[in-house]
């Protein structure tokens, strides 16, 4: 049964998915890094994004290990990788929805106090529920080699588990389906509230200021609110399609293109979040560019100062330079330097 149902993971698919894991690892790390070094950016929504990035970071690392190994048995490292990726992937679903709930309460309900009070609840649910499910799955021997039926080389629910469809739902799919329904609804409500507020404000703009208002910030925020659920669904839908094909008993789930899209989608959430909330966020993008320019300038200045003492001055021949170097070396040997 396992040999007949096993999905072959080709080398090209491994390379593509490993690159996706690497990008997600770098993207999640950059989100965490910017939160740590710039204290004035430590708002509650960005702190929630950091928690999501930690889950995506763990997912990227565990998936990369699974894709690199391409397990064929229920080995100890297979079970460990499957447990970590199951916990991280499920936690990522919860934190993604938690951010949407926080923004809905904060913006639509206009209650920062209530929104902030939900953070502890988010921790209990987003870490606690995935941990409880993962521990139960490992203790009941449900995590193991799955023949890449709904994965791309990594381990998940064991193909030998008689109730594996139930555990596939519990360890990811049911939370994925709920996210598909919840995220679009919440972000549509947030967008509608913002558009209503802008429309009401536009009636007073002629008497508030003479200069035309800038719409760059609001248009970027509006675009992000539109893209967040769309990107989530586009990335995750391939995994869902393969799961449905598994239930239908269709061999199409083993199609190499579909397998590759599944691998890219499951491992790209960290990279997508980095593009959305770092590279497309002007204050952070500006600081990153300034930091990179500063590092480049400092490196150039250090190189210039290192080369300067060895550079001949106008009218100075090589013998004079050699004498100065000898004098400097003697001075250093005696415990002092010649300026």
C-alpha atoms as a PDB file:
ATOM      1  CA  UNK A   1       0.000   0.000   0.000  1.00  0.00           C
ATOM      2  CA  UNK A   2       2.756   2.421   0.925  1.00  0.00           C
ATOM      3  CA  UNK A   3       4.748   1.714  -2.235  1.00  0.00           C
ATOM      4  CA  UNK A   4       1.695   2.104  -4.472  1.00  0.00           C
ATOM      5  CA  UNK A   5       0.632   5.369  -2.870  1.00  0.00           C
ATOM      6  CA  UNK A   6       4.088   6.861  -2.430  1.00  0.00           C
ATOM      7  CA  UNK A   7       4.628  10.183  -4.171  1.00  0.00           C
ATOM      8  CA  UNK A   8       8.067  10.481  -5.732  1.00  0.00           C
ATOM      9  CA  UNK A   9       9.870  13.718  -4.783  1.00  0.00           C
ATOM     10  CA  UNK A  10      12.253  14.635  -7.597  1.00  0.00           C
ATOM     11  CA  UNK A  11      15.551  16.434  -7.128  1.00  0.00           C
ATOM     12  CA  UNK A  12      14.274  19.533  -8.931  1.00  0.00           C
ATOM     13  CA  UNK A  13      11.339  19.694  -6.516  1.00  0.00           C
ATOM     14  CA  UNK A  14      13.703  19.364  -3.573  1.00  0.00           C
ATOM     15  CA  UNK A  15      15.866  22.229  -4.819  1.00  0.00           C
ATOM     16  CA  UNK A  16      12.901  24.558  -5.398  1.00  0.00           C
ATOM     17  CA  UNK A  17      11.301  23.814  -2.017  1.00  0.00           C
ATOM     18  CA  UNK A  18      14.633  24.145  -0.197  1.00  0.00           C
ATOM     19  CA  UNK A  19      15.104  27.584  -1.789  1.00  0.00           C
ATOM     20  CA  UNK A  20      11.606  28.506  -0.624  1.00  0.00           C
ATOM     21  CA  UNK A  21      12.480  27.327   2.891  1.00  0.00           C
ATOM     22  CA  UNK A  22      15.639  29.431   2.816  1.00  0.00           C
ATOM     23  CA  UNK A  23      13.755  32.560   1.779  1.00  0.00           C
ATOM     24  CA  UNK A  24      11.149  31.976   4.490  1.00  0.00           C
ATOM     25  CA  UNK A  25      13.908  31.445   7.062  1.00  0.00           C
ATOM     26  CA  UNK A  26      15.582  34.727   6.057  1.00  0.00           C
ATOM     27  CA  UNK A  27      12.276  36.615   5.934  1.00  0.00           C
ATOM     28  CA  UNK A  28      11.146  35.434   9.371  1.00  0.00           C
ATOM     29  CA  UNK A  29      14.588  36.197  10.806  1.00  0.00           C
ATOM     30  CA  UNK A  30      14.485  39.725   9.358  1.00  0.00           C
ATOM     31  CA  UNK A  31      11.088  40.421  10.928  1.00  0.00           C
ATOM     32  CA  UNK A  32      12.357  39.247  14.323  1.00  0.00           C
ATOM     33  CA  UNK A  33      15.643  41.149  13.907  1.00  0.00           C
ATOM     34  CA  UNK A  34      13.984  44.490  13.075  1.00  0.00           C
ATOM     35  CA  UNK A  35      11.667  44.108  16.066  1.00  0.00           C
ATOM     36  CA  UNK A  36      14.632  43.537  18.385  1.00  0.00           C
ATOM     37  CA  UNK A  37      16.914  46.358  17.218  1.00  0.00           C
ATOM     38  CA  UNK A  38      14.305  49.143  16.881  1.00  0.00           C
ATOM     39  CA  UNK A  39      12.425  49.546  20.137  1.00  0.00           C
ATOM     40  CA  UNK A  40      10.099  52.264  18.829  1.00  0.00           C
ATOM     41  CA  UNK A  41       8.594  49.751  16.382  1.00  0.00           C
ATOM     42  CA  UNK A  42       7.518  47.377  19.143  1.00  0.00           C
ATOM     43  CA  UNK A  43       3.785  47.862  18.805  1.00  0.00           C
ATOM     44  CA  UNK A  44       1.354  45.138  19.764  1.00  0.00           C
ATOM     45  CA  UNK A  45       0.438  44.193  16.155  1.00  0.00           C
ATOM     46  CA  UNK A  46       4.124  43.888  15.256  1.00  0.00           C
ATOM     47  CA  UNK A  47       4.743  41.838  18.391  1.00  0.00           C
ATOM     48  CA  UNK A  48       2.009  39.451  17.238  1.00  0.00           C
ATOM     49  CA  UNK A  49       3.724  39.363  13.851  1.00  0.00           C
ATOM     50  CA  UNK A  50       6.950  38.328  15.597  1.00  0.00           C
ATOM     51  CA  UNK A  51       5.156  35.404  17.255  1.00  0.00           C
ATOM     52  CA  UNK A  52       3.827  34.387  13.841  1.00  0.00           C
ATOM     53  CA  UNK A  53       7.347  34.702  12.436  1.00  0.00           C
ATOM     54  CA  UNK A  54       8.702  32.395  15.144  1.00  0.00           C
ATOM     55  CA  UNK A  55       6.197  29.751  14.022  1.00  0.00           C
ATOM     56  CA  UNK A  56       7.100  30.320  10.362  1.00  0.00           C
ATOM     57  CA  UNK A  57      10.807  30.144  11.233  1.00  0.00           C
ATOM     58  CA  UNK A  58      10.319  26.763  12.906  1.00  0.00           C
ATOM     59  CA  UNK A  59       8.226  25.586   9.957  1.00  0.00           C
ATOM     60  CA  UNK A  60      10.890  26.609   7.458  1.00  0.00           C
ATOM     61  CA  UNK A  61      13.672  24.851   9.370  1.00  0.00           C
ATOM     62  CA  UNK A  62      11.725  21.629   9.975  1.00  0.00           C
ATOM     63  CA  UNK A  63      10.360  21.468   6.428  1.00  0.00           C
ATOM     64  CA  UNK A  64      13.831  22.088   5.005  1.00  0.00           C
ATOM     65  CA  UNK A  65      15.202  19.188   7.044  1.00  0.00           C
ATOM     66  CA  UNK A  66      12.371  16.934   5.849  1.00  0.00           C
ATOM     67  CA  UNK A  67      12.753  17.909   2.185  1.00  0.00           C
ATOM     68  CA  UNK A  68      16.516  17.428   2.384  1.00  0.00           C
ATOM     69  CA  UNK A  69      16.170  13.975   3.960  1.00  0.00           C
ATOM     70  CA  UNK A  70      13.055  12.706   2.106  1.00  0.00           C
ATOM     71  CA  UNK A  71      12.166  10.124   4.735  1.00  0.00           C
ATOM     72  CA  UNK A  72      11.132   6.573   3.878  1.00  0.00           C
ATOM     73  CA  UNK A  73      10.608   5.070   7.348  1.00  0.00           C
ATOM     74  CA  UNK A  74       9.207   5.989  10.761  1.00  0.00           C
ATOM     75  CA  UNK A  75      12.654   6.849  12.109  1.00  0.00           C
ATOM     76  CA  UNK A  76      13.249   8.922  15.225  1.00  0.00           C
ATOM     77  CA  UNK A  77      14.330  11.993  13.251  1.00  0.00           C
ATOM     78  CA  UNK A  78      11.257  11.592  11.033  1.00  0.00           C
ATOM     79  CA  UNK A  79       8.961  11.678  14.073  1.00  0.00           C
ATOM     80  CA  UNK A  80      10.865  14.637  15.561  1.00  0.00           C
ATOM     81  CA  UNK A  81      10.690  16.601  12.310  1.00  0.00           C
ATOM     82  CA  UNK A  82       7.007  15.752  11.874  1.00  0.00           C
ATOM     83  CA  UNK A  83       6.205  16.846  15.430  1.00  0.00           C
ATOM     84  CA  UNK A  84       8.029  20.189  15.100  1.00  0.00           C
ATOM     85  CA  UNK A  85       6.494  21.006  11.727  1.00  0.00           C
ATOM     86  CA  UNK A  86       3.025  19.983  12.926  1.00  0.00           C
ATOM     87  CA  UNK A  87       3.286  22.245  15.973  1.00  0.00           C
ATOM     88  CA  UNK A  88       4.778  25.170  14.041  1.00  0.00           C
ATOM     89  CA  UNK A  89       2.396  24.929  11.090  1.00  0.00           C
ATOM     90  CA  UNK A  90      -0.707  24.714  13.293  1.00  0.00           C
ATOM     91  CA  UNK A  91       0.567  27.557  15.475  1.00  0.00           C
ATOM     92  CA  UNK A  92       1.071  29.661  12.337  1.00  0.00           C
ATOM     93  CA  UNK A  93      -2.613  29.248  11.462  1.00  0.00           C
ATOM     94  CA  UNK A  94      -3.658  30.404  14.926  1.00  0.00           C
ATOM     95  CA  UNK A  95      -1.345  33.422  14.986  1.00  0.00           C
ATOM     96  CA  UNK A  96      -2.463  34.479  11.493  1.00  0.00           C
ATOM     97  CA  UNK A  97      -6.084  34.511  12.630  1.00  0.00           C
ATOM     98  CA  UNK A  98      -5.116  36.122  15.960  1.00  0.00           C
ATOM     99  CA  UNK A  99      -3.600  39.112  14.149  1.00  0.00           C
ATOM    100  CA  UNK A 100      -6.785  39.521  12.109  1.00  0.00           C
ATOM    101  CA  UNK A 101      -8.937  39.352  15.266  1.00  0.00           C
ATOM    102  CA  UNK A 102      -6.728  41.919  17.016  1.00  0.00           C
ATOM    103  CA  UNK A 103      -6.955  44.360  14.088  1.00  0.00           C
ATOM    104  CA  UNK A 104     -10.715  43.871  13.887  1.00  0.00           C
ATOM    105  CA  UNK A 105     -11.240  44.662  17.583  1.00  0.00           C
ATOM    106  CA  UNK A 106      -8.744  47.539  17.497  1.00  0.00           C
ATOM    107  CA  UNK A 107     -10.018  49.203  14.289  1.00  0.00           C
ATOM    108  CA  UNK A 108     -13.665  48.240  13.886  1.00  0.00           C
ATOM    109  CA  UNK A 109     -14.625  48.023  17.556  1.00  0.00           C
ATOM    110  CA  UNK A 110     -12.318  50.973  18.387  1.00  0.00           C
ATOM    111  CA  UNK A 111     -11.158  49.394  21.627  1.00  0.00           C
ATOM    112  CA  UNK A 112      -7.425  49.141  22.135  1.00  0.00           C
ATOM    113  CA  UNK A 113      -7.909  48.057  25.746  1.00  0.00           C
ATOM    114  CA  UNK A 114     -10.008  45.044  24.731  1.00  0.00           C
ATOM    115  CA  UNK A 115      -7.644  44.237  21.865  1.00  0.00           C
ATOM    116  CA  UNK A 116      -4.602  44.303  24.144  1.00  0.00           C
ATOM    117  CA  UNK A 117      -6.381  42.165  26.721  1.00  0.00           C
ATOM    118  CA  UNK A 118      -6.772  39.434  24.085  1.00  0.00           C
ATOM    119  CA  UNK A 119      -3.013  38.953  23.721  1.00  0.00           C
ATOM    120  CA  UNK A 120      -2.795  36.558  26.687  1.00  0.00           C
ATOM    121  CA  UNK A 121      -5.687  34.550  25.240  1.00  0.00           C
ATOM    122  CA  UNK A 122      -3.886  34.455  21.886  1.00  0.00           C
ATOM    123  CA  UNK A 123      -0.823  32.975  23.594  1.00  0.00           C
ATOM    124  CA  UNK A 124      -2.831  30.299  25.374  1.00  0.00           C
ATOM    125  CA  UNK A 125      -4.623  29.256  22.187  1.00  0.00           C
ATOM    126  CA  UNK A 126      -1.908  29.746  19.567  1.00  0.00           C
ATOM    127  CA  UNK A 127       0.776  27.898  21.531  1.00  0.00           C
ATOM    128  CA  UNK A 128      -1.325  25.692  23.791  1.00  0.00           C
ATOM    129  CA  UNK A 129      -3.707  24.062  21.298  1.00  0.00           C
ATOM    130  CA  UNK A 130      -0.998  23.108  18.754  1.00  0.00           C
ATOM    131  CA  UNK A 131       1.228  21.799  21.547  1.00  0.00           C
ATOM    132  CA  UNK A 132      -1.583  19.661  23.016  1.00  0.00           C
ATOM    133  CA  UNK A 133      -2.484  18.247  19.593  1.00  0.00           C
ATOM    134  CA  UNK A 134       1.143  17.508  18.727  1.00  0.00           C
ATOM    135  CA  UNK A 135       1.887  15.811  22.055  1.00  0.00           C
ATOM    136  CA  UNK A 136      -1.245  13.672  21.708  1.00  0.00           C
ATOM    137  CA  UNK A 137      -0.336  12.721  18.134  1.00  0.00           C
ATOM    138  CA  UNK A 138       3.211  11.730  19.100  1.00  0.00           C
ATOM    139  CA  UNK A 139       2.101   9.769  22.183  1.00  0.00           C
ATOM    140  CA  UNK A 140      -0.458   7.860  20.098  1.00  0.00           C
ATOM    141  CA  UNK A 141       2.121   7.132  17.358  1.00  0.00           C
ATOM    142  CA  UNK A 142       0.241   9.129  14.735  1.00  0.00           C
ATOM    143  CA  UNK A 143       3.262  11.114  13.500  1.00  0.00           C
ATOM    144  CA  UNK A 144       5.597   9.384  11.064  1.00  0.00           C
ATOM    145  CA  UNK A 145       6.312   8.502   7.452  1.00  0.00           C
ATOM    146  CA  UNK A 146       3.408   9.516   5.192  1.00  0.00           C
ATOM    147  CA  UNK A 147       4.819   8.596   1.744  1.00  0.00           C
ATOM    148  CA  UNK A 148       4.530  12.280   0.736  1.00  0.00           C
ATOM    149  CA  UNK A 149       0.827  11.788   0.061  1.00  0.00           C
ATOM    150  CA  UNK A 150       0.008  15.236   1.456  1.00  0.00           C
ATOM    151  CA  UNK A 151       3.570  16.455   1.991  1.00  0.00           C
ATOM    152  CA  UNK A 152       6.753  16.987  -0.016  1.00  0.00           C
ATOM    153  CA  UNK A 153       9.294  14.678   1.550  1.00  0.00           C
ATOM    154  CA  UNK A 154       8.718  15.668   5.155  1.00  0.00           C
ATOM    155  CA  UNK A 155       6.929  13.525   7.745  1.00  0.00           C
ATOM    156  CA  UNK A 156       3.423  14.225   8.973  1.00  0.00           C
ATOM    157  CA  UNK A 157       0.586  11.808   9.879  1.00  0.00           C
ATOM    158  CA  UNK A 158       1.771   8.223   9.457  1.00  0.00           C
ATOM    159  CA  UNK A 159       0.456   6.385   6.429  1.00  0.00           C
ATOM    160  CA  UNK A 160       0.000   3.320   8.663  1.00  0.00           C
ATOM    161  CA  UNK A 161      -2.447   5.070  11.020  1.00  0.00           C
ATOM    162  CA  UNK A 162      -5.947   3.657  10.374  1.00  0.00           C
ATOM    163  CA  UNK A 163      -7.571   6.976  11.344  1.00  0.00           C
ATOM    164  CA  UNK A 164      -5.016   9.166   9.564  1.00  0.00           C
ATOM    165  CA  UNK A 165      -7.631  11.351   7.858  1.00  0.00           C
ATOM    166  CA  UNK A 166      -8.990  12.341  11.277  1.00  0.00           C
ATOM    167  CA  UNK A 167      -5.489  13.185  12.488  1.00  0.00           C
ATOM    168  CA  UNK A 168      -4.741  15.113   9.311  1.00  0.00           C
ATOM    169  CA  UNK A 169      -7.738  17.262  10.161  1.00  0.00           C
ATOM    170  CA  UNK A 170      -6.734  17.675  13.800  1.00  0.00           C
ATOM    171  CA  UNK A 171      -3.073  18.425  13.084  1.00  0.00           C
ATOM    172  CA  UNK A 172      -3.670  21.069  10.461  1.00  0.00           C
ATOM    173  CA  UNK A 173      -6.436  20.804   7.915  1.00  0.00           C
ATOM    174  CA  UNK A 174      -9.417  21.772  10.055  1.00  0.00           C
ATOM    175  CA  UNK A 175      -7.573  24.895  11.261  1.00  0.00           C
ATOM    176  CA  UNK A 176      -6.579  25.651   7.681  1.00  0.00           C
ATOM    177  CA  UNK A 177     -10.221  25.471   6.572  1.00  0.00           C
ATOM    178  CA  UNK A 178     -11.307  27.743   9.436  1.00  0.00           C
ATOM    179  CA  UNK A 179      -8.610  30.254   8.455  1.00  0.00           C
ATOM    180  CA  UNK A 180      -9.909  30.241   4.866  1.00  0.00           C
ATOM    181  CA  UNK A 181     -13.315  31.305   6.182  1.00  0.00           C
ATOM    182  CA  UNK A 182     -12.258  33.645   8.989  1.00  0.00           C
ATOM    183  CA  UNK A 183      -9.535  35.755   7.372  1.00  0.00           C
ATOM    184  CA  UNK A 184     -11.501  37.078   4.361  1.00  0.00           C
ATOM    185  CA  UNK A 185     -14.499  37.958   6.542  1.00  0.00           C
ATOM    186  CA  UNK A 186     -12.450  39.858   9.135  1.00  0.00           C
ATOM    187  CA  UNK A 187     -10.359  41.787   6.614  1.00  0.00           C
ATOM    188  CA  UNK A 188     -13.415  42.668   4.517  1.00  0.00           C
ATOM    189  CA  UNK A 189     -15.064  44.086   7.647  1.00  0.00           C
ATOM    190  CA  UNK A 190     -11.918  46.055   8.472  1.00  0.00           C
ATOM    191  CA  UNK A 191     -11.658  47.446   4.935  1.00  0.00           C
ATOM    192  CA  UNK A 192     -15.324  48.426   4.901  1.00  0.00           C
ATOM    193  CA  UNK A 193     -14.968  50.216   8.230  1.00  0.00           C
ATOM    194  CA  UNK A 194     -11.917  52.142   7.017  1.00  0.00           C
ATOM    195  CA  UNK A 195     -13.618  53.132   3.762  1.00  0.00           C
ATOM    196  CA  UNK A 196     -16.677  54.333   5.688  1.00  0.00           C
ATOM    197  CA  UNK A 197     -14.489  56.409   7.989  1.00  0.00           C
ATOM    198  CA  UNK A 198     -12.613  57.914   5.027  1.00  0.00           C
ATOM    199  CA  UNK A 199     -15.879  58.776   3.300  1.00  0.00           C
ATOM    200  CA  UNK A 200     -17.159  60.536   6.413  1.00  0.00           C
ATOM    201  CA  UNK A 201     -13.893  62.428   6.810  1.00  0.00           C
ATOM    202  CA  UNK A 202     -13.855  63.537   3.172  1.00  0.00           C
ATOM    203  CA  UNK A 203     -16.943  65.703   3.804  1.00  0.00           C
ATOM    204  CA  UNK A 204     -14.904  67.907   6.166  1.00  0.00           C
ATOM    205  CA  UNK A 205     -11.651  68.046   4.192  1.00  0.00           C
ATOM    206  CA  UNK A 206     -12.499  71.324   2.359  1.00  0.00           C
ATOM    207  CA  UNK A 207     -12.686  73.191   5.656  1.00  0.00           C
ATOM    208  CA  UNK A 208      -9.846  71.337   7.403  1.00  0.00           C
ATOM    209  CA  UNK A 209      -6.969  72.205   5.096  1.00  0.00           C
ATOM    210  CA  UNK A 210      -6.199  73.874   1.822  1.00  0.00           C
ATOM    211  CA  UNK A 211      -3.556  71.409   0.664  1.00  0.00           C
ATOM    212  CA  UNK A 212      -4.614  68.194  -1.046  1.00  0.00           C
ATOM    213  CA  UNK A 213      -4.392  65.112   1.219  1.00  0.00           C
ATOM    214  CA  UNK A 214      -1.840  62.392   0.590  1.00  0.00           C
ATOM    215  CA  UNK A 215      -3.324  58.993  -0.091  1.00  0.00           C
ATOM    216  CA  UNK A 216      -0.079  57.009  -0.270  1.00  0.00           C
ATOM    217  CA  UNK A 217      -0.271  55.667   3.289  1.00  0.00           C
ATOM    218  CA  UNK A 218      -3.972  54.795   3.155  1.00  0.00           C
ATOM    219  CA  UNK A 219      -3.652  53.184  -0.284  1.00  0.00           C
ATOM    220  CA  UNK A 220      -0.750  51.002   0.912  1.00  0.00           C
ATOM    221  CA  UNK A 221      -2.692  49.969   4.015  1.00  0.00           C
ATOM    222  CA  UNK A 222      -5.725  49.217   1.865  1.00  0.00           C
ATOM    223  CA  UNK A 223      -3.616  47.099  -0.470  1.00  0.00           C
ATOM    224  CA  UNK A 224      -2.167  45.115   2.443  1.00  0.00           C
ATOM    225  CA  UNK A 225      -5.610  44.458   3.901  1.00  0.00           C
ATOM    226  CA  UNK A 226      -6.612  43.074   0.519  1.00  0.00           C
ATOM    227  CA  UNK A 227      -3.473  41.007  -0.019  1.00  0.00           C
ATOM    228  CA  UNK A 228      -3.175  39.371   3.419  1.00  0.00           C
ATOM    229  CA  UNK A 229      -6.058  36.874   3.020  1.00  0.00           C
ATOM    230  CA  UNK A 230      -5.415  36.467  -0.711  1.00  0.00           C
ATOM    231  CA  UNK A 231      -1.742  35.572  -0.223  1.00  0.00           C
ATOM    232  CA  UNK A 232      -2.599  33.182   2.613  1.00  0.00           C
ATOM    233  CA  UNK A 233      -5.158  31.349   0.483  1.00  0.00           C
ATOM    234  CA  UNK A 234      -2.945  31.299  -2.636  1.00  0.00           C
ATOM    235  CA  UNK A 235      -0.053  29.794  -0.672  1.00  0.00           C
ATOM    236  CA  UNK A 236      -2.080  27.233   1.248  1.00  0.00           C
ATOM    237  CA  UNK A 237      -4.634  26.146  -1.350  1.00  0.00           C
ATOM    238  CA  UNK A 238      -2.294  23.604  -2.999  1.00  0.00           C
ATOM    239  CA  UNK A 239      -1.995  21.624   0.200  1.00  0.00           C
ATOM    240  CA  UNK A 240      -5.779  21.646   0.510  1.00  0.00           C
ATOM    241  CA  UNK A 241      -6.206  20.505  -3.088  1.00  0.00           C
ATOM    242  CA  UNK A 242      -3.893  17.531  -2.530  1.00  0.00           C
ATOM    243  CA  UNK A 243      -5.774  16.644   0.667  1.00  0.00           C
ATOM    244  CA  UNK A 244      -9.108  16.675  -1.172  1.00  0.00           C
ATOM    245  CA  UNK A 245      -7.616  14.578  -3.987  1.00  0.00           C
ATOM    246  CA  UNK A 246      -6.412  12.108  -1.355  1.00  0.00           C
ATOM    247  CA  UNK A 247      -9.933  11.805   0.022  1.00  0.00           C
ATOM    248  CA  UNK A 248     -11.216  11.279  -3.531  1.00  0.00           C
ATOM    249  CA  UNK A 249      -8.565   8.635  -4.182  1.00  0.00           C
ATOM    250  CA  UNK A 250      -7.217  10.515  -7.202  1.00  0.00           C
ATOM    251  CA  UNK A 251      -3.645   9.990  -8.364  1.00  0.00           C
ATOM    252  CA  UNK A 252      -3.533  13.591  -9.585  1.00  0.00           C
ATOM    253  CA  UNK A 253      -2.240  14.500  -6.131  1.00  0.00           C
ATOM    254  CA  UNK A 254       1.101  12.998  -7.239  1.00  0.00           C
ATOM    255  CA  UNK A 255       1.450  15.383 -10.190  1.00  0.00           C
ATOM    256  CA  UNK A 256       4.943  16.984  -9.978  1.00  0.00           C
ATOM    257  CA  UNK A 257       3.638  20.507 -10.641  1.00  0.00           C
ATOM    258  CA  UNK A 258       1.039  20.205  -7.901  1.00  0.00           C
ATOM    259  CA  UNK A 259       3.621  18.722  -5.519  1.00  0.00           C
ATOM    260  CA  UNK A 260       6.011  21.602  -6.229  1.00  0.00           C
ATOM    261  CA  UNK A 261       3.307  24.234  -5.709  1.00  0.00           C
ATOM    262  CA  UNK A 262       2.380  22.528  -2.437  1.00  0.00           C
ATOM    263  CA  UNK A 263       5.994  22.613  -1.286  1.00  0.00           C
ATOM    264  CA  UNK A 264       6.429  26.281  -2.202  1.00  0.00           C
ATOM    265  CA  UNK A 265       3.133  27.309  -0.622  1.00  0.00           C
ATOM    266  CA  UNK A 266       3.672  25.553   2.690  1.00  0.00           C
ATOM    267  CA  UNK A 267       7.163  27.001   3.104  1.00  0.00           C
ATOM    268  CA  UNK A 268       6.746  30.583   1.819  1.00  0.00           C
ATOM    269  CA  UNK A 269       4.668  32.216   4.557  1.00  0.00           C
ATOM    270  CA  UNK A 270       7.684  33.757   6.282  1.00  0.00           C
ATOM    271  CA  UNK A 271       9.006  35.209   3.021  1.00  0.00           C
ATOM    272  CA  UNK A 272       5.573  36.598   2.124  1.00  0.00           C
ATOM    273  CA  UNK A 273       5.199  38.257   5.534  1.00  0.00           C
ATOM    274  CA  UNK A 274       8.659  39.806   5.180  1.00  0.00           C
ATOM    275  CA  UNK A 275       7.741  41.324   1.811  1.00  0.00           C
ATOM    276  CA  UNK A 276       4.438  42.637   3.156  1.00  0.00           C
ATOM    277  CA  UNK A 277       5.502  43.967   6.544  1.00  0.00           C
ATOM    278  CA  UNK A 278       9.183  44.834   6.055  1.00  0.00           C
ATOM    279  CA  UNK A 279      10.022  45.540   2.431  1.00  0.00           C
ATOM    280  CA  UNK A 280       6.646  47.181   1.667  1.00  0.00           C
ATOM    281  CA  UNK A 281       6.541  49.093   4.969  1.00  0.00           C
ATOM    282  CA  UNK A 282       8.215  52.435   4.279  1.00  0.00           C
ATOM    283  CA  UNK A 283       9.555  53.311   7.781  1.00  0.00           C
ATOM    284  CA  UNK A 284      11.230  49.915   8.159  1.00  0.00           C
ATOM    285  CA  UNK A 285      12.425  49.828   4.560  1.00  0.00           C
ATOM    286  CA  UNK A 286      13.978  53.288   4.967  1.00  0.00           C
ATOM    287  CA  UNK A 287      15.791  52.243   8.150  1.00  0.00           C
ATOM    288  CA  UNK A 288      17.101  49.065   6.557  1.00  0.00           C
ATOM    289  CA  UNK A 289      18.420  50.980   3.552  1.00  0.00           C
ATOM    290  CA  UNK A 290      20.059  53.546   5.840  1.00  0.00           C
ATOM    291  CA  UNK A 291      21.628  50.780   7.942  1.00  0.00           C
ATOM    292  CA  UNK A 292      22.992  49.028   4.846  1.00  0.00           C
ATOM    293  CA  UNK A 293      24.390  52.291   3.474  1.00  0.00           C
ATOM    294  CA  UNK A 294      25.973  53.063   6.849  1.00  0.00           C
ATOM    295  CA  UNK A 295      27.612  49.613   6.982  1.00  0.00           C
ATOM    296  CA  UNK A 296      28.949  50.023   3.448  1.00  0.00           C
ATOM    297  CA  UNK A 297      30.312  53.480   4.253  1.00  0.00           C
ATOM    298  CA  UNK A 298      31.955  52.258   7.464  1.00  0.00           C
ATOM    299  CA  UNK A 299      33.585  49.372   5.622  1.00  0.00           C
ATOM    300  CA  UNK A 300      34.875  51.757   2.961  1.00  0.00           C
ATOM    301  CA  UNK A 301      36.231  54.156   5.618  1.00  0.00           C
ATOM    302  CA  UNK A 302      37.997  51.298   7.397  1.00  0.00           C
ATOM    303  CA  UNK A 303      39.569  50.157   4.145  1.00  0.00           C
ATOM    304  CA  UNK A 304      40.622  53.723   3.362  1.00  0.00           C
ATOM    305  CA  UNK A 305      42.213  54.208   6.791  1.00  0.00           C
ATOM    306  CA  UNK A 306      43.993  50.872   6.472  1.00  0.00           C
ATOM    307  CA  UNK A 307      45.460  51.777   3.085  1.00  0.00           C
ATOM    308  CA  UNK A 308      46.359  55.387   3.975  1.00  0.00           C
ATOM    309  CA  UNK A 309      49.593  54.757   6.012  1.00  0.00           C
ATOM    310  CA  UNK A 310      51.038  52.697   3.165  1.00  0.00           C
ATOM    311  CA  UNK A 311      50.302  55.326   0.526  1.00  0.00           C
ATOM    312  CA  UNK A 312      53.278  57.481  -0.641  1.00  0.00           C
ATOM    313  CA  UNK A 313      52.963  61.233  -0.273  1.00  0.00           C
ATOM    314  CA  UNK A 314      53.874  63.570  -3.171  1.00  0.00           C
ATOM    315  CA  UNK A 315      57.659  63.931  -3.343  1.00  0.00           C
ATOM    316  CA  UNK A 316      58.290  60.929  -1.075  1.00  0.00           C
ATOM    317  CA  UNK A 317      60.381  58.136  -2.563  1.00  0.00           C
ATOM    318  CA  UNK A 318      60.403  54.483  -1.587  1.00  0.00           C
ATOM    319  CA  UNK A 319      63.593  54.766   0.480  1.00  0.00           C
ATOM    320  CA  UNK A 320      62.068  57.477   2.668  1.00  0.00           C
ATOM    321  CA  UNK A 321      58.929  55.390   3.128  1.00  0.00           C
ATOM    322  CA  UNK A 322      61.096  52.374   4.096  1.00  0.00           C
ATOM    323  CA  UNK A 323      62.991  54.430   6.682  1.00  0.00           C
ATOM    324  CA  UNK A 324      59.727  55.639   8.246  1.00  0.00           C
ATOM    325  CA  UNK A 325      58.432  52.086   8.418  1.00  0.00           C
ATOM    326  CA  UNK A 326      61.629  50.926  10.163  1.00  0.00           C
ATOM    327  CA  UNK A 327      61.428  53.814  12.634  1.00  0.00           C
ATOM    328  CA  UNK A 328      57.796  52.957  13.371  1.00  0.00           C
ATOM    329  CA  UNK A 329      58.672  49.278  13.886  1.00  0.00           C
ATOM    330  CA  UNK A 330      61.517  50.143  16.311  1.00  0.00           C
ATOM    331  CA  UNK A 331      59.207  52.482  18.243  1.00  0.00           C
ATOM    332  CA  UNK A 332      56.597  49.758  18.524  1.00  0.00           C
ATOM    333  CA  UNK A 333      59.152  47.217  19.770  1.00  0.00           C
ATOM    334  CA  UNK A 334      60.146  49.683  22.537  1.00  0.00           C
ATOM    335  CA  UNK A 335      56.566  50.030  23.749  1.00  0.00           C
ATOM    336  CA  UNK A 336      55.400  53.181  22.025  1.00  0.00           C
ATOM    337  CA  UNK A 337      54.246  54.209  18.588  1.00  0.00           C
ATOM    338  CA  UNK A 338      55.291  56.994  16.272  1.00  0.00           C
ATOM    339  CA  UNK A 339      52.354  59.125  15.131  1.00  0.00           C
END
